Structures are given as C-alpha cells and as structure tokens.
Amino acid sequence: MAALDLLGRRWTLRVIWELRGNGAPIGFRDLQRRCDGMSSSVLSTRLTELREAGIAASTATAAQPAWQLTALGDDLVTAMGPLLDWSRAWAERR
C-alpha cells in the first residue's frame, strides 16, 4: 500500500517517466520543462519523496543538483513494463 500511495500522488509517475533511461542526471529546471512546467514546489516535493523512498537520487553540480533514478528506480521502471504494454494496446483500440 505504501508503494501505491507514493506512486499515486499527482505527477510522481511523470517524474519517474522523465528520469527513466536517460543515463545522465537531469537538472531541476530541465526536468520541470519536461514535466510540462509543473510548479517548482510540487516538483521539489515529489523529488524529495522519491529520494526518501530510494527511487531517485541527486548529484551535486556546480550550478544546481541533477536527478536520476537509482537502481531501485530502474527496477521500478522495469516492473512497470507490462503496464506500458497494456496502455499501448489500450490506446490502439481507442
């Protein structure tokens, strides 16, 4: 239930989606742009929650922190693969 609570929060899945498979960390402002300009306070809250859950981590750079998924976050994206497959099939039927 704790995982569903975390993943069900507004914007959480979008943040994870934007961080997936990029290899290089993404800066806060770039991540905010990728998330259709969600408010900085919401993004900051979601990143903190994901960091505390061990799903995302920040790396300090000279200008600003950058974010990426942890190994646990990568595992989560892999686990969500069947849902992605289902959603593609669903979208084709619409």
N, C-alpha and C. Protein backbone atom coordinates (compact mmCIF):
# COMPACT_ATOMS: atom_id res chain seq x y z
N MET A 1 0.83 -1.20 0.00
CA MET A 1 0.00 0.00 0.00
C MET A 1 0.87 1.26 0.00
N ALA A 2 2.01 1.19 0.66
CA ALA A 2 2.89 2.36 0.71
C ALA A 2 3.37 2.73 -0.70
N ALA A 3 3.70 1.72 -1.50
CA ALA A 3 4.16 1.98 -2.87
C ALA A 3 3.03 2.60 -3.70
N LEU A 4 1.82 2.07 -3.55
CA LEU A 4 0.69 2.63 -4.29
C LEU A 4 0.40 4.06 -3.85
N ASP A 5 0.56 4.33 -2.57
CA ASP A 5 0.36 5.69 -2.07
C ASP A 5 1.37 6.64 -2.71
N LEU A 6 2.63 6.24 -2.74
CA LEU A 6 3.66 7.08 -3.33
C LEU A 6 3.43 7.27 -4.82
N LEU A 7 3.22 6.18 -5.54
CA LEU A 7 3.09 6.26 -6.99
C LEU A 7 1.78 6.91 -7.43
N GLY A 8 0.79 6.92 -6.57
CA GLY A 8 -0.50 7.52 -6.90
C GLY A 8 -0.56 9.02 -6.70
N ARG A 9 0.48 9.60 -6.15
CA ARG A 9 0.49 11.05 -5.95
C ARG A 9 0.66 11.75 -7.30
N ARG A 10 -0.03 12.86 -7.41
CA ARG A 10 -0.02 13.61 -8.67
C ARG A 10 1.41 13.93 -9.09
N TRP A 11 1.72 13.67 -10.35
CA TRP A 11 2.99 13.95 -11.00
C TRP A 11 4.09 12.93 -10.70
N THR A 12 3.93 12.05 -9.73
CA THR A 12 5.01 11.15 -9.36
C THR A 12 5.41 10.26 -10.54
N LEU A 13 4.45 9.62 -11.17
CA LEU A 13 4.78 8.75 -12.30
C LEU A 13 5.40 9.53 -13.45
N ARG A 14 4.96 10.75 -13.65
CA ARG A 14 5.54 11.57 -14.73
C ARG A 14 7.00 11.88 -14.45
N VAL A 15 7.33 12.18 -13.20
CA VAL A 15 8.72 12.45 -12.85
C VAL A 15 9.56 11.21 -13.09
N ILE A 16 9.07 10.06 -12.65
CA ILE A 16 9.80 8.81 -12.87
C ILE A 16 9.97 8.56 -14.36
N TRP A 17 8.91 8.79 -15.14
CA TRP A 17 8.96 8.59 -16.58
C TRP A 17 10.04 9.45 -17.22
N GLU A 18 10.13 10.70 -16.81
CA GLU A 18 11.11 11.61 -17.41
C GLU A 18 12.53 11.27 -16.98
N LEU A 19 12.69 10.65 -15.83
CA LEU A 19 14.04 10.28 -15.35
C LEU A 19 14.51 8.94 -15.91
N ARG A 20 13.61 8.15 -16.44
CA ARG A 20 13.96 6.79 -16.85
C ARG A 20 14.94 6.78 -18.02
N GLY A 21 15.85 5.84 -17.97
CA GLY A 21 16.73 5.52 -19.07
C GLY A 21 17.50 6.65 -19.72
N ASN A 22 17.66 7.76 -19.04
CA ASN A 22 18.39 8.87 -19.65
C ASN A 22 19.89 8.75 -19.46
N GLY A 23 20.33 7.92 -18.54
CA GLY A 23 21.75 7.75 -18.30
C GLY A 23 22.36 8.91 -17.53
N ALA A 24 22.29 10.08 -18.08
CA ALA A 24 22.86 11.25 -17.43
C ALA A 24 21.83 11.90 -16.52
N PRO A 25 22.27 12.44 -15.39
CA PRO A 25 21.33 13.15 -14.50
C PRO A 25 20.69 14.35 -15.21
N ILE A 26 19.51 14.70 -14.77
CA ILE A 26 18.75 15.81 -15.36
C ILE A 26 18.63 16.92 -14.32
N GLY A 27 18.95 18.13 -14.72
CA GLY A 27 18.83 19.27 -13.84
C GLY A 27 17.37 19.58 -13.50
N PHE A 28 17.17 20.27 -12.40
CA PHE A 28 15.83 20.56 -11.90
C PHE A 28 15.01 21.31 -12.94
N ARG A 29 15.55 22.37 -13.52
CA ARG A 29 14.78 23.18 -14.46
C ARG A 29 14.46 22.41 -15.74
N ASP A 30 15.40 21.60 -16.20
CA ASP A 30 15.15 20.80 -17.39
C ASP A 30 14.06 19.77 -17.09
N LEU A 31 14.13 19.16 -15.92
CA LEU A 31 13.10 18.20 -15.52
C LEU A 31 11.75 18.88 -15.42
N GLN A 32 11.72 20.08 -14.89
CA GLN A 32 10.47 20.83 -14.78
C GLN A 32 9.89 21.10 -16.17
N ARG A 33 10.72 21.47 -17.13
CA ARG A 33 10.25 21.69 -18.51
C ARG A 33 9.71 20.40 -19.12
N ARG A 34 10.40 19.29 -18.88
CA ARG A 34 9.96 18.01 -19.41
C ARG A 34 8.62 17.58 -18.82
N CYS A 35 8.33 18.07 -17.64
CA CYS A 35 7.07 17.74 -16.96
C CYS A 35 6.03 18.82 -17.22
N ASP A 36 6.08 19.41 -18.39
CA ASP A 36 5.11 20.42 -18.81
C ASP A 36 5.02 21.59 -17.84
N GLY A 37 6.14 21.96 -17.27
CA GLY A 37 6.18 23.15 -16.43
C GLY A 37 5.43 23.04 -15.11
N MET A 38 5.39 21.84 -14.52
CA MET A 38 4.75 21.73 -13.20
C MET A 38 5.41 22.70 -12.24
N SER A 39 4.71 23.09 -11.21
CA SER A 39 5.25 24.08 -10.29
C SER A 39 6.52 23.55 -9.63
N SER A 40 7.42 24.47 -9.34
CA SER A 40 8.69 24.07 -8.73
C SER A 40 8.47 23.47 -7.34
N SER A 41 7.47 23.94 -6.62
CA SER A 41 7.23 23.40 -5.27
C SER A 41 6.74 21.96 -5.34
N VAL A 42 5.88 21.65 -6.30
CA VAL A 42 5.40 20.27 -6.44
C VAL A 42 6.54 19.36 -6.89
N LEU A 43 7.32 19.82 -7.86
CA LEU A 43 8.45 19.01 -8.32
C LEU A 43 9.44 18.77 -7.19
N SER A 44 9.73 19.78 -6.44
CA SER A 44 10.65 19.63 -5.31
C SER A 44 10.13 18.62 -4.30
N THR A 45 8.84 18.69 -4.01
CA THR A 45 8.22 17.74 -3.08
C THR A 45 8.30 16.32 -3.62
N ARG A 46 7.97 16.13 -4.90
CA ARG A 46 7.99 14.79 -5.48
C ARG A 46 9.41 14.23 -5.50
N LEU A 47 10.38 15.06 -5.84
CA LEU A 47 11.76 14.58 -5.85
C LEU A 47 12.23 14.20 -4.45
N THR A 48 11.85 14.97 -3.47
CA THR A 48 12.19 14.64 -2.09
C THR A 48 11.58 13.31 -1.69
N GLU A 49 10.32 13.11 -2.04
CA GLU A 49 9.64 11.84 -1.72
C GLU A 49 10.31 10.66 -2.42
N LEU A 50 10.67 10.85 -3.68
CA LEU A 50 11.33 9.78 -4.42
C LEU A 50 12.72 9.50 -3.87
N ARG A 51 13.41 10.54 -3.44
CA ARG A 51 14.73 10.35 -2.83
C ARG A 51 14.60 9.59 -1.52
N GLU A 52 13.64 9.98 -0.69
CA GLU A 52 13.43 9.30 0.59
C GLU A 52 13.02 7.85 0.41
N ALA A 53 12.34 7.54 -0.69
CA ALA A 53 11.93 6.17 -0.98
C ALA A 53 13.04 5.36 -1.63
N GLY A 54 14.15 6.01 -1.97
CA GLY A 54 15.26 5.32 -2.60
C GLY A 54 15.11 5.12 -4.09
N ILE A 55 14.17 5.82 -4.70
CA ILE A 55 13.88 5.66 -6.13
C ILE A 55 14.68 6.63 -6.99
N ALA A 56 14.98 7.80 -6.48
CA ALA A 56 15.75 8.81 -7.21
C ALA A 56 16.85 9.33 -6.30
N ALA A 57 17.87 9.87 -6.94
CA ALA A 57 18.99 10.45 -6.18
C ALA A 57 19.44 11.72 -6.88
N SER A 58 19.97 12.62 -6.10
CA SER A 58 20.50 13.86 -6.68
C SER A 58 22.02 13.81 -6.64
N THR A 59 22.60 14.45 -7.63
CA THR A 59 24.04 14.60 -7.68
C THR A 59 24.32 16.09 -7.76
N ALA A 60 25.24 16.54 -6.95
CA ALA A 60 25.54 17.97 -6.91
C ALA A 60 26.42 18.34 -8.10
N THR A 61 26.05 19.42 -8.74
CA THR A 61 26.88 20.02 -9.79
C THR A 61 27.21 21.42 -9.33
N ALA A 62 28.03 22.09 -10.09
CA ALA A 62 28.43 23.45 -9.71
C ALA A 62 27.23 24.39 -9.68
N ALA A 63 26.32 24.23 -10.63
CA ALA A 63 25.20 25.16 -10.74
C ALA A 63 23.99 24.74 -9.92
N GLN A 64 23.63 23.46 -10.00
CA GLN A 64 22.41 23.00 -9.34
C GLN A 64 22.45 21.48 -9.23
N PRO A 65 21.64 20.92 -8.36
CA PRO A 65 21.58 19.46 -8.30
C PRO A 65 20.93 18.90 -9.55
N ALA A 66 21.33 17.70 -9.90
CA ALA A 66 20.72 16.99 -11.01
C ALA A 66 20.19 15.68 -10.48
N TRP A 67 19.21 15.12 -11.15
CA TRP A 67 18.49 13.96 -10.65
C TRP A 67 18.56 12.79 -11.61
N GLN A 68 18.55 11.60 -11.04
CA GLN A 68 18.49 10.38 -11.83
C GLN A 68 17.87 9.28 -10.98
N LEU A 69 17.43 8.24 -11.65
CA LEU A 69 16.87 7.10 -10.93
C LEU A 69 18.00 6.28 -10.32
N THR A 70 17.73 5.69 -9.19
CA THR A 70 18.65 4.75 -8.57
C THR A 70 18.43 3.37 -9.20
N ALA A 71 19.19 2.40 -8.76
CA ALA A 71 18.98 1.03 -9.23
C ALA A 71 17.56 0.57 -8.88
N LEU A 72 17.09 0.95 -7.71
CA LEU A 72 15.73 0.61 -7.30
C LEU A 72 14.71 1.29 -8.22
N GLY A 73 14.99 2.52 -8.60
CA GLY A 73 14.11 3.23 -9.54
C GLY A 73 14.10 2.57 -10.90
N ASP A 74 15.27 2.12 -11.36
CA ASP A 74 15.33 1.39 -12.63
C ASP A 74 14.52 0.10 -12.54
N ASP A 75 14.60 -0.58 -11.40
CA ASP A 75 13.80 -1.80 -11.20
C ASP A 75 12.31 -1.49 -11.27
N LEU A 76 11.91 -0.35 -10.72
CA LEU A 76 10.51 0.05 -10.76
C LEU A 76 10.06 0.27 -12.20
N VAL A 77 10.88 0.93 -13.00
CA VAL A 77 10.54 1.16 -14.40
C VAL A 77 10.40 -0.17 -15.13
N THR A 78 11.30 -1.10 -14.85
CA THR A 78 11.21 -2.43 -15.46
C THR A 78 9.91 -3.12 -15.04
N ALA A 79 9.56 -3.02 -13.76
CA ALA A 79 8.33 -3.64 -13.25
C ALA A 79 7.09 -3.02 -13.88
N MET A 80 7.17 -1.77 -14.30
CA MET A 80 6.04 -1.10 -14.91
C MET A 80 5.91 -1.42 -16.40
N GLY A 81 6.86 -2.19 -16.95
CA GLY A 81 6.84 -2.55 -18.36
C GLY A 81 5.53 -3.16 -18.83
N PRO A 82 4.99 -4.16 -18.12
CA PRO A 82 3.71 -4.73 -18.56
C PRO A 82 2.57 -3.71 -18.59
N LEU A 83 2.57 -2.77 -17.68
CA LEU A 83 1.55 -1.72 -17.70
C LEU A 83 1.71 -0.84 -18.93
N LEU A 84 2.95 -0.55 -19.30
CA LEU A 84 3.20 0.22 -20.52
C LEU A 84 2.70 -0.54 -21.74
N ASP A 85 2.99 -1.85 -21.79
CA ASP A 85 2.50 -2.67 -22.90
C ASP A 85 0.97 -2.63 -22.98
N TRP A 86 0.33 -2.78 -21.83
CA TRP A 86 -1.13 -2.75 -21.79
C TRP A 86 -1.65 -1.39 -22.27
N SER A 87 -1.02 -0.31 -21.81
CA SER A 87 -1.51 1.02 -22.16
C SER A 87 -1.37 1.29 -23.66
N ARG A 88 -0.32 0.75 -24.27
CA ARG A 88 -0.17 0.91 -25.72
C ARG A 88 -1.28 0.17 -26.46
N ALA A 89 -1.59 -1.06 -26.03
CA ALA A 89 -2.66 -1.82 -26.66
C ALA A 89 -4.00 -1.11 -26.46
N TRP A 90 -4.22 -0.57 -25.29
CA TRP A 90 -5.44 0.15 -25.00
C TRP A 90 -5.58 1.39 -25.89
N ALA A 91 -4.47 2.11 -26.05
CA ALA A 91 -4.50 3.33 -26.86
C ALA A 91 -4.82 3.00 -28.32
N GLU A 92 -4.35 1.87 -28.81
CA GLU A 92 -4.62 1.50 -30.20
C GLU A 92 -6.09 1.15 -30.42
N ARG A 93 -6.77 0.71 -29.40
CA ARG A 93 -8.18 0.34 -29.51
C ARG A 93 -9.11 1.54 -29.41
N ARG A 94 -8.61 2.63 -28.99
CA ARG A 94 -9.46 3.81 -28.80
C ARG A 94 -9.70 4.54 -30.07
